[in-house]
Amino acid sequence: MKIDVQYVNDVNGQTQAILLPFAEWDKVLTKLKKYEQALRLKSDLTEAYEQVKKMKSAMGKKQTLNDFLNEL
């Protein structure tokens, strides 16, 4: 993705801002939103995987009837 960018510098030559055409800015925002969605999906899937892993490990532990009744 080649973007026509113009830099705005202060009197010391330090870059203070970047100017780019609106159409290019819109493309950047669109890509950013897609990356954010992908990152959220990855995070959600990771969390779901960890929850399933915990549930599977808890399933392996059996509770006796006496323990269950003692909890009541």
N, C-alpha and C. Protein backbone atom coordinates (compact mmCIF):
# COMPACT_ATOMS: atom_id res chain seq x y z
N MET A 1 0.85 -1.17 0.00
CA MET A 1 0.00 0.00 0.00
C MET A 1 0.90 1.24 0.00
N LYS A 2 0.93 1.94 -1.09
CA LYS A 2 1.73 3.16 -1.22
C LYS A 2 0.84 4.35 -0.93
N ILE A 3 1.26 5.17 0.02
CA ILE A 3 0.46 6.32 0.43
C ILE A 3 1.25 7.60 0.16
N ASP A 4 0.60 8.55 -0.48
CA ASP A 4 1.20 9.86 -0.73
C ASP A 4 1.10 10.67 0.56
N VAL A 5 2.23 10.80 1.27
CA VAL A 5 2.25 11.44 2.59
C VAL A 5 3.06 12.72 2.52
N GLN A 6 2.59 13.74 3.21
CA GLN A 6 3.33 14.99 3.36
C GLN A 6 3.59 15.19 4.86
N TYR A 7 4.81 15.61 5.18
CA TYR A 7 5.18 15.82 6.57
C TYR A 7 5.18 17.30 6.90
N VAL A 8 4.73 17.64 8.10
CA VAL A 8 4.75 19.02 8.59
C VAL A 8 5.79 19.06 9.71
N ASN A 9 6.79 19.89 9.50
CA ASN A 9 7.89 19.99 10.48
C ASN A 9 7.86 21.35 11.16
N ASP A 10 8.38 21.38 12.41
CA ASP A 10 8.50 22.66 13.10
C ASP A 10 9.79 23.36 12.67
N VAL A 11 10.09 24.48 13.29
CA VAL A 11 11.28 25.26 12.90
C VAL A 11 12.58 24.50 13.18
N ASN A 12 12.52 23.49 14.06
CA ASN A 12 13.71 22.69 14.38
C ASN A 12 13.83 21.46 13.49
N GLY A 13 12.89 21.30 12.57
CA GLY A 13 12.93 20.16 11.67
C GLY A 13 12.28 18.90 12.23
N GLN A 14 11.67 19.01 13.40
CA GLN A 14 11.00 17.87 14.01
C GLN A 14 9.61 17.69 13.37
N THR A 15 9.28 16.46 13.00
CA THR A 15 7.99 16.19 12.40
C THR A 15 6.89 16.39 13.44
N GLN A 16 5.90 17.20 13.10
CA GLN A 16 4.80 17.51 14.00
C GLN A 16 3.49 16.89 13.54
N ALA A 17 3.35 16.65 12.24
CA ALA A 17 2.10 16.13 11.71
C ALA A 17 2.36 15.46 10.36
N ILE A 18 1.38 14.70 9.96
CA ILE A 18 1.43 14.04 8.66
C ILE A 18 0.13 14.36 7.94
N LEU A 19 0.23 14.75 6.69
CA LEU A 19 -0.95 15.02 5.87
C LEU A 19 -1.06 13.93 4.82
N LEU A 20 -2.27 13.42 4.64
CA LEU A 20 -2.49 12.47 3.57
C LEU A 20 -3.90 12.65 3.04
N PRO A 21 -4.12 12.26 1.78
CA PRO A 21 -5.45 12.42 1.20
C PRO A 21 -6.50 11.65 2.00
N PHE A 22 -7.72 12.19 2.02
CA PHE A 22 -8.79 11.57 2.79
C PHE A 22 -9.04 10.13 2.36
N ALA A 23 -9.00 9.85 1.07
CA ALA A 23 -9.23 8.49 0.57
C ALA A 23 -8.21 7.52 1.16
N GLU A 24 -6.97 7.97 1.26
CA GLU A 24 -5.92 7.12 1.86
C GLU A 24 -6.18 6.92 3.34
N TRP A 25 -6.58 7.98 4.04
CA TRP A 25 -6.90 7.89 5.47
C TRP A 25 -8.03 6.91 5.69
N ASP A 26 -9.04 6.95 4.84
CA ASP A 26 -10.16 6.03 4.94
C ASP A 26 -9.70 4.58 4.77
N LYS A 27 -8.77 4.34 3.86
CA LYS A 27 -8.22 2.98 3.65
C LYS A 27 -7.48 2.52 4.91
N VAL A 28 -6.70 3.43 5.50
CA VAL A 28 -5.95 3.09 6.72
C VAL A 28 -6.92 2.73 7.84
N LEU A 29 -7.97 3.52 8.02
CA LEU A 29 -8.96 3.23 9.07
C LEU A 29 -9.67 1.91 8.84
N THR A 30 -9.99 1.61 7.59
CA THR A 30 -10.65 0.35 7.25
C THR A 30 -9.75 -0.83 7.61
N LYS A 31 -8.48 -0.74 7.25
CA LYS A 31 -7.54 -1.83 7.59
C LYS A 31 -7.37 -1.96 9.10
N LEU A 32 -7.29 -0.82 9.78
CA LEU A 32 -7.14 -0.84 11.23
C LEU A 32 -8.32 -1.53 11.89
N LYS A 33 -9.53 -1.24 11.43
CA LYS A 33 -10.73 -1.88 11.98
C LYS A 33 -10.69 -3.38 11.76
N LYS A 34 -10.24 -3.82 10.59
CA LYS A 34 -10.15 -5.25 10.30
C LYS A 34 -9.13 -5.92 11.23
N TYR A 35 -7.99 -5.26 11.44
CA TYR A 35 -6.98 -5.81 12.35
C TYR A 35 -7.50 -5.88 13.78
N GLU A 36 -8.24 -4.85 14.20
CA GLU A 36 -8.81 -4.85 15.55
C GLU A 36 -9.81 -5.98 15.71
N GLN A 37 -10.65 -6.21 14.69
CA GLN A 37 -11.62 -7.31 14.74
C GLN A 37 -10.91 -8.65 14.83
N ALA A 38 -9.86 -8.81 14.03
CA ALA A 38 -9.10 -10.06 14.05
C ALA A 38 -8.45 -10.28 15.41
N LEU A 39 -7.92 -9.23 15.99
CA LEU A 39 -7.29 -9.33 17.31
C LEU A 39 -8.31 -9.69 18.38
N ARG A 40 -9.51 -9.07 18.33
CA ARG A 40 -10.57 -9.41 19.28
C ARG A 40 -11.00 -10.86 19.13
N LEU A 41 -11.12 -11.32 17.88
CA LEU A 41 -11.51 -12.70 17.62
C LEU A 41 -10.46 -13.66 18.18
N LYS A 42 -9.20 -13.35 17.93
CA LYS A 42 -8.12 -14.19 18.45
C LYS A 42 -8.16 -14.24 19.97
N SER A 43 -8.36 -13.09 20.59
CA SER A 43 -8.42 -13.02 22.05
C SER A 43 -9.61 -13.82 22.59
N ASP A 44 -10.77 -13.65 21.94
CA ASP A 44 -11.96 -14.39 22.37
C ASP A 44 -11.78 -15.89 22.22
N LEU A 45 -11.18 -16.32 21.12
CA LEU A 45 -10.94 -17.75 20.90
C LEU A 45 -9.94 -18.31 21.91
N THR A 46 -8.93 -17.54 22.23
CA THR A 46 -7.96 -17.97 23.23
C THR A 46 -8.62 -18.14 24.59
N GLU A 47 -9.46 -17.18 24.95
CA GLU A 47 -10.18 -17.27 26.23
C GLU A 47 -11.12 -18.47 26.25
N ALA A 48 -11.84 -18.69 25.14
CA ALA A 48 -12.76 -19.83 25.06
C ALA A 48 -11.99 -21.14 25.16
N TYR A 49 -10.85 -21.22 24.51
CA TYR A 49 -10.02 -22.43 24.58
C TYR A 49 -9.60 -22.70 26.02
N GLU A 50 -9.18 -21.67 26.73
CA GLU A 50 -8.76 -21.84 28.12
C GLU A 50 -9.93 -22.29 29.00
N GLN A 51 -11.12 -21.76 28.75
CA GLN A 51 -12.29 -22.16 29.53
C GLN A 51 -12.64 -23.62 29.27
N VAL A 52 -12.57 -24.04 28.02
CA VAL A 52 -12.85 -25.45 27.68
C VAL A 52 -11.82 -26.35 28.34
N LYS A 53 -10.57 -25.93 28.32
CA LYS A 53 -9.49 -26.70 28.94
C LYS A 53 -9.77 -26.88 30.44
N LYS A 54 -10.19 -25.80 31.11
CA LYS A 54 -10.50 -25.88 32.54
C LYS A 54 -11.70 -26.80 32.79
N MET A 55 -12.71 -26.69 31.93
CA MET A 55 -13.89 -27.53 32.11
C MET A 55 -13.55 -29.01 31.92
N LYS A 56 -12.71 -29.29 30.94
CA LYS A 56 -12.31 -30.69 30.70
C LYS A 56 -11.53 -31.24 31.89
N SER A 57 -10.66 -30.42 32.46
CA SER A 57 -9.88 -30.91 33.60
C SER A 57 -10.79 -31.09 34.82
N ALA A 58 -11.81 -30.24 34.96
CA ALA A 58 -12.75 -30.37 36.08
C ALA A 58 -13.63 -31.60 35.90
N MET A 59 -13.90 -31.98 34.66
CA MET A 59 -14.73 -33.16 34.39
C MET A 59 -14.03 -34.43 34.86
N GLY A 60 -12.71 -34.42 34.83
CA GLY A 60 -11.97 -35.59 35.24
C GLY A 60 -12.04 -35.83 36.73
N LYS A 61 -12.35 -34.81 37.51
CA LYS A 61 -12.44 -34.93 38.95
C LYS A 61 -13.87 -35.30 39.32
N LYS A 62 -14.02 -36.42 39.94
CA LYS A 62 -15.36 -36.88 40.32
C LYS A 62 -15.60 -36.58 41.79
N GLN A 63 -16.83 -36.26 42.09
CA GLN A 63 -17.21 -35.95 43.46
C GLN A 63 -18.06 -37.10 44.00
N THR A 64 -17.76 -37.50 45.19
CA THR A 64 -18.54 -38.58 45.79
C THR A 64 -19.90 -38.03 46.25
N LEU A 65 -20.85 -38.93 46.43
CA LEU A 65 -22.17 -38.53 46.89
C LEU A 65 -22.06 -37.91 48.28
N ASN A 66 -21.23 -38.47 49.13
CA ASN A 66 -21.06 -37.91 50.49
C ASN A 66 -20.52 -36.49 50.44
N ASP A 67 -19.53 -36.25 49.58
CA ASP A 67 -18.99 -34.89 49.45
C ASP A 67 -20.05 -33.93 48.96
N PHE A 68 -20.84 -34.37 47.99
CA PHE A 68 -21.92 -33.53 47.47
C PHE A 68 -22.92 -33.19 48.57
N LEU A 69 -23.33 -34.19 49.33
CA LEU A 69 -24.32 -33.98 50.39
C LEU A 69 -23.74 -33.12 51.51
N ASN A 70 -22.46 -33.24 51.77
CA ASN A 70 -21.83 -32.42 52.80
C ASN A 70 -21.76 -30.95 52.41
N GLU A 71 -21.77 -30.65 51.12
CA GLU A 71 -21.73 -29.28 50.67
C GLU A 71 -23.07 -28.58 50.88
N LEU A 72 -24.14 -29.37 50.98
CA LEU A 72 -25.48 -28.79 51.15
C LEU A 72 -25.62 -28.33 52.53
